[in-house]
Amino acid sequence: MDNIRRFETVNDYSVFNKNETLHPLVGVIDLLKADSRKASNMYFGFYTVFLKQVDCGNLRYGRHTYDY
């Protein structure tokens, strides 16, 4: 089975992306600060919203991919 990156808190995801956590329940991540990475399976123990300005590839959720 593939390794799954687990993020239980907003701080876990902020640290992974080299961003400061300003609030324990809400975070905005600047991916320009993060290291480049390959696609991987991720688990979020909190709600997430991804906003994309450019076509940088598809997001996979479950067994489907999304490009918007």
C-alpha atoms as a PDB file:
ATOM      1  CA  MET A   1       0.000   0.000   0.000  1.00  0.00           C
ATOM      2  CA  ASP A   2       1.211   3.512  -0.761  1.00  0.00           C
ATOM      3  CA  ASN A   3       2.391   5.762   2.025  1.00  0.00           C
ATOM      4  CA  ILE A   4      -0.214   8.343   2.937  1.00  0.00           C
ATOM      5  CA  ARG A   5       0.868  11.742   4.237  1.00  0.00           C
ATOM      6  CA  ARG A   6      -1.350  12.461   7.237  1.00  0.00           C
ATOM      7  CA  PHE A   7      -2.168  15.984   8.373  1.00  0.00           C
ATOM      8  CA  GLU A   8      -4.254  16.017  11.539  1.00  0.00           C
ATOM      9  CA  THR A   9      -4.043  19.769  12.212  1.00  0.00           C
ATOM     10  CA  VAL A  10      -3.695  23.022  10.296  1.00  0.00           C
ATOM     11  CA  ASN A  11      -0.269  23.421  11.889  1.00  0.00           C
ATOM     12  CA  ASP A  12       0.892  20.036  10.517  1.00  0.00           C
ATOM     13  CA  TYR A  13       0.113  21.161   6.969  1.00  0.00           C
ATOM     14  CA  SER A  14       1.609  24.635   7.500  1.00  0.00           C
ATOM     15  CA  VAL A  15       4.879  23.174   8.781  1.00  0.00           C
ATOM     16  CA  PHE A  16       5.000  20.723   5.855  1.00  0.00           C
ATOM     17  CA  ASN A  17       4.700  23.667   3.436  1.00  0.00           C
ATOM     18  CA  LYS A  18       7.124  25.927   5.340  1.00  0.00           C
ATOM     19  CA  ASN A  19       4.433  28.442   6.311  1.00  0.00           C
ATOM     20  CA  GLU A  20       3.736  30.072   9.661  1.00  0.00           C
ATOM     21  CA  THR A  21       0.593  29.083  11.556  1.00  0.00           C
ATOM     22  CA  LEU A  22      -1.225  32.242  12.603  1.00  0.00           C
ATOM     23  CA  HIS A  23      -4.404  30.566  13.871  1.00  0.00           C
ATOM     24  CA  PRO A  24      -4.907  26.959  15.025  1.00  0.00           C
ATOM     25  CA  LEU A  25      -8.169  26.479  13.089  1.00  0.00           C
ATOM     26  CA  VAL A  26      -7.629  28.472   9.870  1.00  0.00           C
ATOM     27  CA  GLY A  27      -4.642  28.709   7.567  1.00  0.00           C
ATOM     28  CA  VAL A  28      -3.712  30.129   4.190  1.00  0.00           C
ATOM     29  CA  ILE A  29      -0.774  28.397   2.544  1.00  0.00           C
ATOM     30  CA  ASP A  30       1.559  30.104   0.084  1.00  0.00           C
ATOM     31  CA  LEU A  31       2.814  27.167  -1.987  1.00  0.00           C
ATOM     32  CA  LEU A  32       5.623  29.323  -3.399  1.00  0.00           C
ATOM     33  CA  LYS A  33       7.344  28.847  -0.018  1.00  0.00           C
ATOM     34  CA  ALA A  34       6.951  25.056  -0.126  1.00  0.00           C
ATOM     35  CA  ASP A  35       9.407  22.603  -1.632  1.00  0.00           C
ATOM     36  CA  SER A  36       8.432  21.169  -4.997  1.00  0.00           C
ATOM     37  CA  ARG A  37       7.006  17.672  -4.759  1.00  0.00           C
ATOM     38  CA  LYS A  38       5.616  14.771  -6.676  1.00  0.00           C
ATOM     39  CA  ALA A  39       2.030  13.621  -6.428  1.00  0.00           C
ATOM     40  CA  SER A  40       1.239  11.679  -3.288  1.00  0.00           C
ATOM     41  CA  ASN A  41      -1.753  10.493  -1.320  1.00  0.00           C
ATOM     42  CA  MET A  42      -2.710  12.835   1.492  1.00  0.00           C
ATOM     43  CA  TYR A  43      -5.162  12.607   4.381  1.00  0.00           C
ATOM     44  CA  PHE A  44      -6.513  15.789   5.950  1.00  0.00           C
ATOM     45  CA  GLY A  45      -8.093  15.612   9.412  1.00  0.00           C
ATOM     46  CA  PHE A  46      -9.749  18.965   8.688  1.00  0.00           C
ATOM     47  CA  TYR A  47     -11.619  20.642   5.845  1.00  0.00           C
ATOM     48  CA  THR A  48      -9.503  21.961   2.985  1.00  0.00           C
ATOM     49  CA  VAL A  49     -10.160  24.252   0.038  1.00  0.00           C
ATOM     50  CA  PHE A  50      -7.663  24.530  -2.822  1.00  0.00           C
ATOM     51  CA  LEU A  51      -7.696  27.550  -5.133  1.00  0.00           C
ATOM     52  CA  LYS A  52      -5.706  27.299  -8.362  1.00  0.00           C
ATOM     53  CA  GLN A  53      -4.868  30.246 -10.599  1.00  0.00           C
ATOM     54  CA  VAL A  54      -3.125  28.267 -13.332  1.00  0.00           C
ATOM     55  CA  ASP A  55      -3.307  24.834 -14.876  1.00  0.00           C
ATOM     56  CA  CYS A  56      -0.694  23.113 -12.739  1.00  0.00           C
ATOM     57  CA  GLY A  57      -2.118  19.619 -12.980  1.00  0.00           C
ATOM     58  CA  ASN A  58      -5.116  17.709 -11.779  1.00  0.00           C
ATOM     59  CA  LEU A  59      -6.142  17.123  -8.174  1.00  0.00           C
ATOM     60  CA  ARG A  60      -7.188  13.625  -7.237  1.00  0.00           C
ATOM     61  CA  TYR A  61      -9.957  13.057  -4.721  1.00  0.00           C
ATOM     62  CA  GLY A  62     -10.892   9.446  -4.079  1.00  0.00           C
ATOM     63  CA  ARG A  63     -10.856   7.642  -7.403  1.00  0.00           C
ATOM     64  CA  HIS A  64     -11.544  10.704  -9.551  1.00  0.00           C
ATOM     65  CA  THR A  65      -9.410  13.569 -10.810  1.00  0.00           C
ATOM     66  CA  TYR A  66     -10.461  17.206 -11.038  1.00  0.00           C
ATOM     67  CA  ASP A  67      -8.913  20.033 -13.066  1.00  0.00           C
ATOM     68  CA  TYR A  68     -10.889  22.934 -11.643  1.00  0.00           C
END
